[in-house]
C-alpha atoms as a PDB file:
ATOM      1  CA  MET A   1      -0.040  -0.036  -0.031  1.00  0.00           C
ATOM      2  CA  SER A   2       1.304   3.247  -0.922  1.00  0.00           C
ATOM      3  CA  PHE A   3       1.968   6.154   1.608  1.00  0.00           C
ATOM      4  CA  ARG A   4      -0.573   8.173  -0.011  1.00  0.00           C
ATOM      5  CA  SER A   5      -3.240   5.243   0.581  1.00  0.00           C
ATOM      6  CA  VAL A   6      -2.224   4.873   3.827  1.00  0.00           C
ATOM      7  CA  ILE A   7      -2.630   8.674   4.660  1.00  0.00           C
ATOM      8  CA  SER A   8      -6.044   8.362   2.854  1.00  0.00           C
ATOM      9  CA  ASN A   9      -7.230   5.545   4.861  1.00  0.00           C
ATOM     10  CA  LEU A  10      -6.296   7.121   8.029  1.00  0.00           C
ATOM     11  CA  SER A  11      -7.920  10.271   6.945  1.00  0.00           C
ATOM     12  CA  MET A  12     -11.196   8.467   6.165  1.00  0.00           C
ATOM     13  CA  GLY A  13     -10.920   6.572   9.385  1.00  0.00           C
ATOM     14  CA  ALA A  14     -10.404   9.773  11.301  1.00  0.00           C
ATOM     15  CA  PHE A  15     -13.473  11.229   9.406  1.00  0.00           C
ATOM     16  CA  ALA A  16     -15.696   8.455  10.331  1.00  0.00           C
ATOM     17  CA  LEU A  17     -14.853   8.619  13.737  1.00  0.00           C
ATOM     18  CA  ALA A  18     -15.491  12.301  13.931  1.00  0.00           C
ATOM     19  CA  ALA A  19     -18.776  11.561  12.301  1.00  0.00           C
ATOM     20  CA  ALA A  20     -19.823   8.856  14.764  1.00  0.00           C
ATOM     21  CA  SER A  21     -18.991  11.064  17.613  1.00  0.00           C
ATOM     22  CA  ALA A  22     -20.910  13.952  16.136  1.00  0.00           C
ATOM     23  CA  LEU A  23     -24.102  11.891  15.756  1.00  0.00           C
ATOM     24  CA  THR A  24     -23.770  10.947  19.291  1.00  0.00           C
ATOM     25  CA  SER A  25     -23.485  14.422  20.597  1.00  0.00           C
ATOM     26  CA  PRO A  26     -26.646  15.995  22.255  1.00  0.00           C
ATOM     27  CA  ALA A  27     -26.655  18.662  19.433  1.00  0.00           C
ATOM     28  CA  ALA A  28     -26.834  16.094  16.910  1.00  0.00           C
ATOM     29  CA  GLN A  29     -29.311  13.859  18.585  1.00  0.00           C
ATOM     30  CA  ALA A  30     -31.660  16.927  19.119  1.00  0.00           C
ATOM     31  CA  ALA A  31     -31.173  18.003  15.428  1.00  0.00           C
ATOM     32  CA  ALA A  32     -31.799  14.677  13.721  1.00  0.00           C
ATOM     33  CA  PRO A  33     -33.752  12.401  13.342  1.00  0.00           C
ATOM     34  CA  GLU A  34     -36.295  14.623  15.393  1.00  0.00           C
ATOM     35  CA  SER A  35     -38.684  17.134  13.738  1.00  0.00           C
ATOM     36  CA  ASN A  36     -37.318  20.291  12.519  1.00  0.00           C
ATOM     37  CA  ASP A  37     -40.751  22.131  13.386  1.00  0.00           C
ATOM     38  CA  PRO A  38     -40.293  24.949  16.006  1.00  0.00           C
ATOM     39  CA  ILE A  39     -40.888  24.266  19.484  1.00  0.00           C
ATOM     40  CA  LYS A  40     -43.243  26.692  20.881  1.00  0.00           C
ATOM     41  CA  ILE A  41     -42.682  27.954  24.494  1.00  0.00           C
ATOM     42  CA  ALA A  42     -45.235  30.138  26.092  1.00  0.00           C
ATOM     43  CA  LEU A  43     -44.567  33.766  27.220  1.00  0.00           C
ATOM     44  CA  PHE A  44     -46.994  35.030  29.639  1.00  0.00           C
ATOM     45  CA  ASP A  45     -47.382  38.523  31.492  1.00  0.00           C
ATOM     46  CA  TRP A  46     -44.831  38.406  34.173  1.00  0.00           C
ATOM     47  CA  THR A  47     -40.932  38.359  34.347  1.00  0.00           C
ATOM     48  CA  SER A  48     -39.874  35.081  35.623  1.00  0.00           C
ATOM     49  CA  VAL A  49     -41.820  32.860  33.497  1.00  0.00           C
ATOM     50  CA  ASN A  50     -40.740  34.680  30.440  1.00  0.00           C
ATOM     51  CA  LEU A  51     -37.255  34.563  31.763  1.00  0.00           C
ATOM     52  CA  ASN A  52     -37.540  30.729  32.326  1.00  0.00           C
ATOM     53  CA  ALA A  53     -38.857  30.443  28.638  1.00  0.00           C
ATOM     54  CA  LYS A  54     -35.754  32.221  27.228  1.00  0.00           C
ATOM     55  CA  ILE A  55     -33.582  29.888  29.209  1.00  0.00           C
ATOM     56  CA  LEU A  56     -35.029  26.725  28.254  1.00  0.00           C
ATOM     57  CA  GLY A  57     -35.375  28.066  24.781  1.00  0.00           C
ATOM     58  CA  GLY A  58     -31.769  28.988  24.634  1.00  0.00           C
ATOM     59  CA  ILE A  59     -30.760  25.736  25.770  1.00  0.00           C
ATOM     60  CA  LEU A  60     -32.796  23.880  23.060  1.00  0.00           C
ATOM     61  CA  GLU A  61     -31.319  26.226  20.289  1.00  0.00           C
ATOM     62  CA  LYS A  62     -28.024  25.346  21.439  1.00  0.00           C
ATOM     63  CA  LEU A  63     -28.833  21.616  21.019  1.00  0.00           C
ATOM     64  CA  GLY A  64     -29.952  22.330  17.529  1.00  0.00           C
ATOM     65  CA  TYR A  65     -33.652  22.914  17.720  1.00  0.00           C
ATOM     66  CA  THR A  66     -35.759  25.996  16.280  1.00  0.00           C
ATOM     67  CA  VAL A  67     -37.672  27.842  19.001  1.00  0.00           C
ATOM     68  CA  GLU A  68     -40.522  30.148  18.968  1.00  0.00           C
ATOM     69  CA  TYR A  69     -42.069  32.054  21.916  1.00  0.00           C
ATOM     70  CA  PRO A  70     -45.848  32.881  21.349  1.00  0.00           C
ATOM     71  CA  THR A  71     -47.478  35.065  23.926  1.00  0.00           C
ATOM     72  CA  ALA A  72     -50.301  33.339  25.795  1.00  0.00           C
ATOM     73  CA  ASP A  73     -53.041  33.515  28.125  1.00  0.00           C
ATOM     74  CA  TYR A  74     -51.921  31.993  31.358  1.00  0.00           C
ATOM     75  CA  LEU A  75     -54.802  29.913  32.472  1.00  0.00           C
ATOM     76  CA  SER A  76     -56.665  29.085  29.079  1.00  0.00           C
ATOM     77  CA  SER A  77     -53.324  28.010  27.701  1.00  0.00           C
ATOM     78  CA  LEU A  78     -53.512  24.789  29.945  1.00  0.00           C
ATOM     79  CA  THR A  79     -56.711  23.682  28.128  1.00  0.00           C
ATOM     80  CA  THR A  80     -56.402  25.304  24.626  1.00  0.00           C
ATOM     81  CA  GLY A  81     -52.867  26.401  23.758  1.00  0.00           C
ATOM     82  CA  LEU A  82     -51.257  23.275  24.841  1.00  0.00           C
ATOM     83  CA  THR A  83     -53.875  20.908  23.404  1.00  0.00           C
ATOM     84  CA  ASN A  84     -54.499  22.579  20.038  1.00  0.00           C
ATOM     85  CA  GLY A  85     -50.902  22.896  18.653  1.00  0.00           C
ATOM     86  CA  ASP A  86     -50.431  26.702  19.408  1.00  0.00           C
ATOM     87  CA  LEU A  87     -47.997  25.835  22.424  1.00  0.00           C
ATOM     88  CA  ASP A  88     -45.674  22.923  23.112  1.00  0.00           C
ATOM     89  CA  VAL A  89     -44.190  24.032  26.697  1.00  0.00           C
ATOM     90  CA  GLY A  90     -45.306  26.201  29.648  1.00  0.00           C
ATOM     91  CA  LEU A  91     -42.978  26.779  32.493  1.00  0.00           C
ATOM     92  CA  GLU A  92     -44.768  28.395  35.275  1.00  0.00           C
ATOM     93  CA  PHE A  93     -48.462  27.133  36.320  1.00  0.00           C
ATOM     94  CA  TRP A  94     -48.849  27.934  39.945  1.00  0.00           C
ATOM     95  CA  ASP A  95     -50.706  25.913  42.391  1.00  0.00           C
ATOM     96  CA  THR A  96     -51.939  29.428  43.998  1.00  0.00           C
ATOM     97  CA  THR A  97     -53.775  30.428  40.861  1.00  0.00           C
ATOM     98  CA  ALA A  98     -53.986  27.698  38.399  1.00  0.00           C
ATOM     99  CA  GLY A  99     -54.854  24.622  40.498  1.00  0.00           C
ATOM    100  CA  GLU A 100     -58.324  24.091  38.816  1.00  0.00           C
ATOM    101  CA  ALA A 101     -57.030  24.843  35.388  1.00  0.00           C
ATOM    102  CA  MET A 102     -54.244  22.205  35.787  1.00  0.00           C
ATOM    103  CA  LYS A 103     -56.873  19.682  36.879  1.00  0.00           C
ATOM    104  CA  ALA A 104     -58.998  20.415  33.782  1.00  0.00           C
ATOM    105  CA  SER A 105     -55.782  20.295  31.574  1.00  0.00           C
ATOM    106  CA  ASP A 106     -54.819  16.854  33.046  1.00  0.00           C
ATOM    107  CA  ALA A 107     -58.416  15.573  32.296  1.00  0.00           C
ATOM    108  CA  THR A 108     -57.886  16.335  28.520  1.00  0.00           C
ATOM    109  CA  GLY A 109     -55.193  13.651  28.297  1.00  0.00           C
ATOM    110  CA  GLN A 110     -53.557  15.895  25.699  1.00  0.00           C
ATOM    111  CA  THR A 111     -50.927  17.588  28.099  1.00  0.00           C
ATOM    112  CA  GLU A 112     -48.471  16.325  30.425  1.00  0.00           C
ATOM    113  CA  ARG A 113     -47.238  17.692  33.914  1.00  0.00           C
ATOM    114  CA  LEU A 114     -43.501  17.687  33.482  1.00  0.00           C
ATOM    115  CA  GLY A 115     -42.774  18.193  37.066  1.00  0.00           C
ATOM    116  CA  LYS A 116     -41.921  21.021  39.494  1.00  0.00           C
ATOM    117  CA  LEU A 117     -39.951  24.193  38.523  1.00  0.00           C
ATOM    118  CA  GLY A 118     -38.338  24.248  41.966  1.00  0.00           C
ATOM    119  CA  PRO A 119     -39.529  27.591  43.916  1.00  0.00           C
ATOM    120  CA  LYS A 120     -42.349  27.296  46.088  1.00  0.00           C
ATOM    121  CA  ALA A 121     -45.309  29.505  45.096  1.00  0.00           C
ATOM    122  CA  LYS A 122     -46.830  31.974  47.532  1.00  0.00           C
ATOM    123  CA  GLU A 123     -49.381  34.823  46.546  1.00  0.00           C
ATOM    124  CA  GLU A 124     -51.202  37.003  48.717  1.00  0.00           C
ATOM    125  CA  TRP A 125     -52.345  40.506  49.639  1.00  0.00           C
ATOM    126  CA  TRP A 126     -49.413  42.479  50.951  1.00  0.00           C
ATOM    127  CA  PHE A 127     -48.879  45.791  52.726  1.00  0.00           C
ATOM    128  CA  PRO A 128     -45.523  47.920  53.388  1.00  0.00           C
ATOM    129  CA  GLU A 129     -44.582  47.659  57.013  1.00  0.00           C
ATOM    130  CA  TYR A 130     -45.210  51.546  57.784  1.00  0.00           C
ATOM    131  CA  MET A 131     -48.914  50.747  57.107  1.00  0.00           C
ATOM    132  CA  LYS A 132     -49.310  48.719  60.600  1.00  0.00           C
ATOM    133  CA  GLU A 133     -49.245  51.990  62.392  1.00  0.00           C
ATOM    134  CA  LYS A 134     -52.332  52.979  60.480  1.00  0.00           C
ATOM    135  CA  CYS A 135     -54.019  49.849  60.605  1.00  0.00           C
ATOM    136  CA  PRO A 136     -53.296  48.285  64.094  1.00  0.00           C
ATOM    137  CA  GLY A 137     -53.990  44.548  64.210  1.00  0.00           C
ATOM    138  CA  LEU A 138     -52.349  43.844  60.929  1.00  0.00           C
ATOM    139  CA  PRO A 139     -51.262  41.381  59.600  1.00  0.00           C
ATOM    140  CA  ASN A 140     -54.660  39.605  60.908  1.00  0.00           C
ATOM    141  CA  TRP A 141     -57.272  40.023  57.978  1.00  0.00           C
ATOM    142  CA  GLU A 142     -60.028  41.154  60.529  1.00  0.00           C
ATOM    143  CA  ALA A 143     -58.016  44.529  61.111  1.00  0.00           C
ATOM    144  CA  LEU A 144     -59.009  45.264  57.648  1.00  0.00           C
ATOM    145  CA  LYS A 145     -62.874  45.308  58.359  1.00  0.00           C
ATOM    146  CA  GLY A 146     -62.472  48.407  60.600  1.00  0.00           C
ATOM    147  CA  PRO A 147     -63.570  51.493  58.737  1.00  0.00           C
ATOM    148  CA  LYS A 148     -60.679  53.380  59.985  1.00  0.00           C
ATOM    149  CA  CYS A 149     -58.110  50.830  58.487  1.00  0.00           C
ATOM    150  CA  ALA A 150     -60.037  50.775  55.168  1.00  0.00           C
ATOM    151  CA  GLU A 151     -59.835  54.447  54.891  1.00  0.00           C
ATOM    152  CA  ALA A 152     -56.180  54.356  55.700  1.00  0.00           C
ATOM    153  CA  PHE A 153     -55.914  52.323  52.390  1.00  0.00           C
ATOM    154  CA  SER A 154     -58.221  54.324  50.530  1.00  0.00           C
ATOM    155  CA  THR A 155     -57.530  56.729  47.551  1.00  0.00           C
ATOM    156  CA  ALA A 156     -59.540  59.332  46.078  1.00  0.00           C
ATOM    157  CA  GLU A 157     -61.165  56.730  43.638  1.00  0.00           C
ATOM    158  CA  THR A 158     -62.178  54.423  46.454  1.00  0.00           C
ATOM    159  CA  ALA A 159     -62.725  56.392  49.491  1.00  0.00           C
ATOM    160  CA  PRO A 160     -63.930  55.575  52.261  1.00  0.00           C
ATOM    161  CA  LYS A 161     -63.291  52.038  51.156  1.00  0.00           C
ATOM    162  CA  GLY A 162     -59.724  50.709  51.038  1.00  0.00           C
ATOM    163  CA  ARG A 163     -57.934  49.969  47.580  1.00  0.00           C
ATOM    164  CA  TYR A 164     -56.527  46.876  46.892  1.00  0.00           C
ATOM    165  CA  LEU A 165     -54.313  46.557  43.666  1.00  0.00           C
ATOM    166  CA  GLY A 166     -54.661  42.989  42.239  1.00  0.00           C
ATOM    167  CA  GLY A 167     -53.050  41.400  39.425  1.00  0.00           C
ATOM    168  CA  PRO A 168     -53.835  41.472  35.791  1.00  0.00           C
ATOM    169  CA  VAL A 169     -57.364  39.824  35.373  1.00  0.00           C
ATOM    170  CA  THR A 170     -55.975  37.035  33.437  1.00  0.00           C
ATOM    171  CA  TRP A 171     -54.397  35.832  36.865  1.00  0.00           C
ATOM    172  CA  GLU A 172     -57.599  35.391  38.377  1.00  0.00           C
ATOM    173  CA  GLY A 173     -57.212  34.771  42.023  1.00  0.00           C
ATOM    174  CA  PHE A 174     -60.680  35.387  43.349  1.00  0.00           C
ATOM    175  CA  ASP A 175     -59.969  38.709  45.140  1.00  0.00           C
ATOM    176  CA  ASP A 176     -63.337  40.291  44.134  1.00  0.00           C
ATOM    177  CA  GLU A 177     -64.918  37.162  45.737  1.00  0.00           C
ATOM    178  CA  ARG A 178     -62.875  37.289  48.569  1.00  0.00           C
ATOM    179  CA  VAL A 179     -63.626  40.779  49.424  1.00  0.00           C
ATOM    180  CA  GLU A 180     -67.178  39.979  49.144  1.00  0.00           C
ATOM    181  CA  ALA A 181     -67.224  36.750  51.117  1.00  0.00           C
ATOM    182  CA  LEU A 182     -65.325  38.061  54.034  1.00  0.00           C
ATOM    183  CA  LYS A 183     -67.211  41.614  54.002  1.00  0.00           C
ATOM    184  CA  LEU A 184     -64.352  43.551  53.585  1.00  0.00           C
ATOM    185  CA  PRO A 185     -64.608  47.334  52.993  1.00  0.00           C
ATOM    186  CA  PHE A 186     -62.278  47.471  50.048  1.00  0.00           C
ATOM    187  CA  THR A 187     -62.540  47.871  46.323  1.00  0.00           C
ATOM    188  CA  VAL A 188     -60.496  45.713  43.887  1.00  0.00           C
ATOM    189  CA  ILE A 189     -58.539  47.538  41.365  1.00  0.00           C
ATOM    190  CA  HIS A 190     -56.850  45.236  38.782  1.00  0.00           C
ATOM    191  CA  ALA A 191     -53.375  46.279  37.354  1.00  0.00           C
ATOM    192  CA  GLY A 192     -53.065  46.263  33.499  1.00  0.00           C
ATOM    193  CA  THR A 193     -49.852  44.534  33.685  1.00  0.00           C
ATOM    194  CA  ASP A 194     -47.355  42.941  35.973  1.00  0.00           C
ATOM    195  CA  ALA A 195     -44.728  45.836  35.457  1.00  0.00           C
ATOM    196  CA  ALA A 196     -47.496  48.487  36.262  1.00  0.00           C
ATOM    197  CA  MET A 197     -48.163  46.806  39.520  1.00  0.00           C
ATOM    198  CA  PHE A 198     -44.746  46.977  40.797  1.00  0.00           C
ATOM    199  CA  ALA A 199     -43.938  50.269  39.575  1.00  0.00           C
ATOM    200  CA  GLU A 200     -47.126  51.538  41.541  1.00  0.00           C
ATOM    201  CA  LEU A 201     -45.563  49.697  44.607  1.00  0.00           C
ATOM    202  CA  ASP A 202     -42.167  51.440  44.176  1.00  0.00           C
ATOM    203  CA  SER A 203     -43.796  54.727  43.988  1.00  0.00           C
ATOM    204  CA  ALA A 204     -46.083  54.293  46.843  1.00  0.00           C
ATOM    205  CA  TYR A 205     -43.248  52.932  48.932  1.00  0.00           C
ATOM    206  CA  GLN A 206     -40.854  55.749  48.304  1.00  0.00           C
ATOM    207  CA  ARG A 207     -43.693  58.261  49.328  1.00  0.00           C
ATOM    208  CA  LYS A 208     -44.677  55.972  52.192  1.00  0.00           C
ATOM    209  CA  ALA A 209     -48.037  56.339  50.511  1.00  0.00           C
ATOM    210  CA  PRO A 210     -50.940  53.596  51.330  1.00  0.00           C
ATOM    211  CA  ILE A 211     -50.943  50.501  49.443  1.00  0.00           C
ATOM    212  CA  MET A 212     -52.326  47.258  49.355  1.00  0.00           C
ATOM    213  CA  LEU A 213     -51.479  44.927  46.606  1.00  0.00           C
ATOM    214  CA  TRP A 214     -50.943  41.200  45.353  1.00  0.00           C
ATOM    215  CA  ILE A 215     -47.365  40.226  45.768  1.00  0.00           C
ATOM    216  CA  TYR A 216     -45.999  36.886  44.937  1.00  0.00           C
ATOM    217  CA  SER A 217     -42.883  34.796  45.754  1.00  0.00           C
ATOM    218  CA  PRO A 218     -40.626  33.712  43.918  1.00  0.00           C
ATOM    219  CA  HIS A 219     -40.144  37.426  43.266  1.00  0.00           C
ATOM    220  CA  TRP A 220     -37.502  40.290  44.072  1.00  0.00           C
ATOM    221  CA  ALA A 221     -40.158  42.443  45.714  1.00  0.00           C
ATOM    222  CA  PRO A 222     -40.354  40.938  49.231  1.00  0.00           C
ATOM    223  CA  ALA A 223     -36.607  41.078  49.619  1.00  0.00           C
ATOM    224  CA  LYS A 224     -36.503  44.739  48.323  1.00  0.00           C
ATOM    225  CA  TYR A 225     -39.557  46.095  50.264  1.00  0.00           C
ATOM    226  CA  LYS A 226     -40.081  45.430  53.790  1.00  0.00           C
ATOM    227  CA  GLY A 227     -43.689  44.346  54.548  1.00  0.00           C
ATOM    228  CA  GLU A 228     -45.957  41.592  55.354  1.00  0.00           C
ATOM    229  CA  TRP A 229     -48.672  39.359  53.830  1.00  0.00           C
ATOM    230  CA  VAL A 230     -52.046  39.528  55.216  1.00  0.00           C
ATOM    231  CA  GLU A 231     -53.093  36.457  57.080  1.00  0.00           C
ATOM    232  CA  PHE A 232     -56.424  35.328  56.091  1.00  0.00           C
ATOM    233  CA  PRO A 233     -58.108  32.017  57.064  1.00  0.00           C
ATOM    234  CA  GLU A 234     -55.948  29.072  55.933  1.00  0.00           C
ATOM    235  CA  TYR A 235     -56.905  27.840  52.338  1.00  0.00           C
ATOM    236  CA  THR A 236     -58.509  24.256  52.125  1.00  0.00           C
ATOM    237  CA  PRO A 237     -59.953  23.160  48.894  1.00  0.00           C
ATOM    238  CA  GLU A 238     -63.485  23.293  50.585  1.00  0.00           C
ATOM    239  CA  CYS A 239     -63.148  27.095  50.808  1.00  0.00           C
ATOM    240  CA  TYR A 240     -63.344  27.427  47.049  1.00  0.00           C
ATOM    241  CA  THR A 241     -66.003  24.845  46.768  1.00  0.00           C
ATOM    242  CA  ASP A 242     -68.338  24.846  49.646  1.00  0.00           C
ATOM    243  CA  PRO A 243     -70.031  27.725  50.808  1.00  0.00           C
ATOM    244  CA  LYS A 244     -70.615  26.260  54.171  1.00  0.00           C
ATOM    245  CA  TRP A 245     -67.025  26.173  55.043  1.00  0.00           C
ATOM    246  CA  GLY A 246     -65.407  29.041  56.631  1.00  0.00           C
ATOM    247  CA  THR A 247     -66.664  32.211  58.347  1.00  0.00           C
ATOM    248  CA  ASN A 248     -69.419  33.158  55.838  1.00  0.00           C
ATOM    249  CA  PRO A 249     -71.742  30.140  55.476  1.00  0.00           C
ATOM    250  CA  ASP A 250     -73.299  31.706  52.222  1.00  0.00           C
ATOM    251  CA  ALA A 251     -70.226  32.349  50.111  1.00  0.00           C
ATOM    252  CA  LYS A 252     -67.142  30.498  48.834  1.00  0.00           C
ATOM    253  CA  TYR A 253     -63.576  32.146  48.838  1.00  0.00           C
ATOM    254  CA  ASP A 254     -63.944  33.304  52.364  1.00  0.00           C
ATOM    255  CA  CYS A 255     -60.111  32.186  53.155  1.00  0.00           C
ATOM    256  CA  GLY A 256     -56.573  33.159  51.828  1.00  0.00           C
ATOM    257  CA  LYS A 257     -55.095  31.965  48.379  1.00  0.00           C
ATOM    258  CA  PRO A 258     -53.689  28.498  47.961  1.00  0.00           C
ATOM    259  CA  HIS A 259     -50.116  27.952  48.167  1.00  0.00           C
ATOM    260  CA  GLY A 260     -47.876  25.226  46.905  1.00  0.00           C
ATOM    261  CA  GLU A 261     -45.719  24.310  43.868  1.00  0.00           C
ATOM    262  CA  ILE A 262     -44.954  25.809  40.438  1.00  0.00           C
ATOM    263  CA  TRP A 263     -45.484  23.332  37.593  1.00  0.00           C
ATOM    264  CA  LYS A 264     -44.073  22.749  34.052  1.00  0.00           C
ATOM    265  CA  TYR A 265     -46.595  21.412  31.292  1.00  0.00           C
ATOM    266  CA  SER A 266     -45.960  20.152  27.828  1.00  0.00           C
ATOM    267  CA  TRP A 267     -48.100  19.161  24.988  1.00  0.00           C
ATOM    268  CA  SER A 268     -48.442  15.243  25.542  1.00  0.00           C
ATOM    269  CA  GLY A 269     -46.871  14.441  21.842  1.00  0.00           C
ATOM    270  CA  MET A 270     -43.639  16.326  22.723  1.00  0.00           C
ATOM    271  CA  LYS A 271     -41.898  13.324  24.306  1.00  0.00           C
ATOM    272  CA  ASP A 272     -42.339  11.413  20.853  1.00  0.00           C
ATOM    273  CA  LYS A 273     -41.980  14.446  18.563  1.00  0.00           C
ATOM    274  CA  TRP A 274     -38.728  15.780  20.252  1.00  0.00           C
ATOM    275  CA  PRO A 275     -37.459  13.117  22.767  1.00  0.00           C
ATOM    276  CA  VAL A 276     -34.245  15.080  23.815  1.00  0.00           C
ATOM    277  CA  ALA A 277     -36.014  18.491  24.186  1.00  0.00           C
ATOM    278  CA  TYR A 278     -38.558  16.822  26.207  1.00  0.00           C
ATOM    279  CA  LYS A 279     -35.933  15.203  28.669  1.00  0.00           C
ATOM    280  CA  VAL A 280     -34.417  18.749  28.964  1.00  0.00           C
ATOM    281  CA  ALA A 281     -37.590  20.318  29.576  1.00  0.00           C
ATOM    282  CA  LYS A 282     -38.433  17.779  32.214  1.00  0.00           C
ATOM    283  CA  ALA A 283     -35.327  18.102  34.010  1.00  0.00           C
ATOM    284  CA  TYR A 284     -35.035  21.764  34.087  1.00  0.00           C
ATOM    285  CA  THR A 285     -35.106  23.381  37.556  1.00  0.00           C
ATOM    286  CA  VAL A 286     -34.054  26.715  38.686  1.00  0.00           C
ATOM    287  CA  ASP A 287     -33.168  27.746  42.323  1.00  0.00           C
ATOM    288  CA  THR A 288     -35.338  30.202  43.826  1.00  0.00           C
ATOM    289  CA  ASP A 289     -32.792  32.607  45.108  1.00  0.00           C
ATOM    290  CA  GLU A 290     -31.171  32.685  41.788  1.00  0.00           C
ATOM    291  CA  LEU A 291     -34.583  33.172  39.973  1.00  0.00           C
ATOM    292  CA  ASN A 292     -35.406  36.074  42.121  1.00  0.00           C
ATOM    293  CA  LYS A 293     -31.893  37.824  41.379  1.00  0.00           C
ATOM    294  CA  MET A 294     -32.022  37.276  37.936  1.00  0.00           C
ATOM    295  CA  SER A 295     -35.839  38.895  37.899  1.00  0.00           C
ATOM    296  CA  GLY A 296     -34.516  41.730  39.663  1.00  0.00           C
ATOM    297  CA  GLU A 297     -31.717  42.124  37.138  1.00  0.00           C
ATOM    298  CA  ILE A 298     -34.388  42.431  34.518  1.00  0.00           C
ATOM    299  CA  ASP A 299     -36.980  44.648  36.231  1.00  0.00           C
ATOM    300  CA  LEU A 300     -34.499  46.818  38.326  1.00  0.00           C
ATOM    301  CA  GLY A 301     -31.196  46.482  36.374  1.00  0.00           C
ATOM    302  CA  GLY A 302     -32.514  47.046  33.029  1.00  0.00           C
ATOM    303  CA  LYS A 303     -31.185  43.966  31.507  1.00  0.00           C
ATOM    304  CA  THR A 304     -32.901  42.077  28.908  1.00  0.00           C
ATOM    305  CA  PRO A 305     -34.399  38.584  29.484  1.00  0.00           C
ATOM    306  CA  GLU A 306     -32.258  37.220  26.573  1.00  0.00           C
ATOM    307  CA  ASP A 307     -29.116  38.543  28.291  1.00  0.00           C
ATOM    308  CA  VAL A 308     -29.850  37.271  31.774  1.00  0.00           C
ATOM    309  CA  ALA A 309     -30.781  33.745  30.252  1.00  0.00           C
ATOM    310  CA  ALA A 310     -27.405  33.691  28.137  1.00  0.00           C
ATOM    311  CA  ALA A 311     -25.530  34.237  31.172  1.00  0.00           C
ATOM    312  CA  TRP A 312     -27.464  31.386  33.149  1.00  0.00           C
ATOM    313  CA  ILE A 313     -26.976  29.080  30.183  1.00  0.00           C
ATOM    314  CA  ALA A 314     -23.384  29.799  29.973  1.00  0.00           C
ATOM    315  CA  ALA A 315     -22.844  29.147  33.875  1.00  0.00           C
ATOM    316  CA  HIS A 316     -24.854  26.151  33.899  1.00  0.00           C
ATOM    317  CA  GLU A 317     -23.700  24.445  30.716  1.00  0.00           C
ATOM    318  CA  ALA A 318     -22.561  21.116  32.408  1.00  0.00           C
ATOM    319  CA  ASP A 319     -25.906  20.723  33.985  1.00  0.00           C
ATOM    320  CA  TRP A 320     -28.058  21.092  30.482  1.00  0.00           C
ATOM    321  CA  LYS A 321     -25.562  19.041  28.499  1.00  0.00           C
ATOM    322  CA  ALA A 322     -26.216  16.219  31.334  1.00  0.00           C
ATOM    323  CA  TRP A 323     -29.992  16.699  30.795  1.00  0.00           C
ATOM    324  CA  ALA A 324     -29.557  16.119  27.130  1.00  0.00           C
ATOM    325  CA  GLN A 325     -27.760  12.698  27.471  1.00  0.00           C
END
């Protein structure tokens, strides 16, 4: 055999080994033989969920997938978007607000609960600490029934009733029903967006102006602002279904909001159409403190979700490469 033939054979052998190695890499596993159709990851109307979407999407793009980010309705996405092909993945469905919608989604058989995101969910009425002087008895919810306390939380548009700033109407949360069931002298005003709600909190806090609003965790706000959540009667499922439960025998929702986990969901066909992406989405979790910090970098520091996501992806490369194996 000539020297040139030996070199040629060695080169071909090296090429074959390189090709075999490439085919067993996570990127190759993701790109083929799986579908090249875009994986659609839902965006909703708050910061952390969109950051998580960009993190997962950025990982999948590095693995060879095409990713799209449709904006969707939070609750209806569980029984429409994830079942009709508009969405393939949603990353934050909270036990606090989406419990019933998740049960309905599970019942369709067309979605899959991919597991817990990691952080624990808490959402409730929240007030700055300086308001305790104006409403003695807080954080006990019964303090809110007093006319003087209600007036302390009032604004020109609600006086003499107190003003409660709820989340966007798409979040539900049953705050209007809670006010009626517990006979609270408060008017519920819904913020148009998540950003508007926290901008109003910041403005009021700087001026020590009255404010009562929906605060949730994980989020940077409970760490930045000193305050407390209102202590309503503890939630039980019966509170939301049986009027006879609780302090008001004629009304449901006479309790606080539920608390629990944050769940990931996918279209049920994802595991067959994009097996590696499915494994990554199922394995993806994020630390609570890390998520709060990153959300603050976006909302307070002016960074883009894409830049913050890229930093997380770079820092956790070993983790997501292992998820794709």
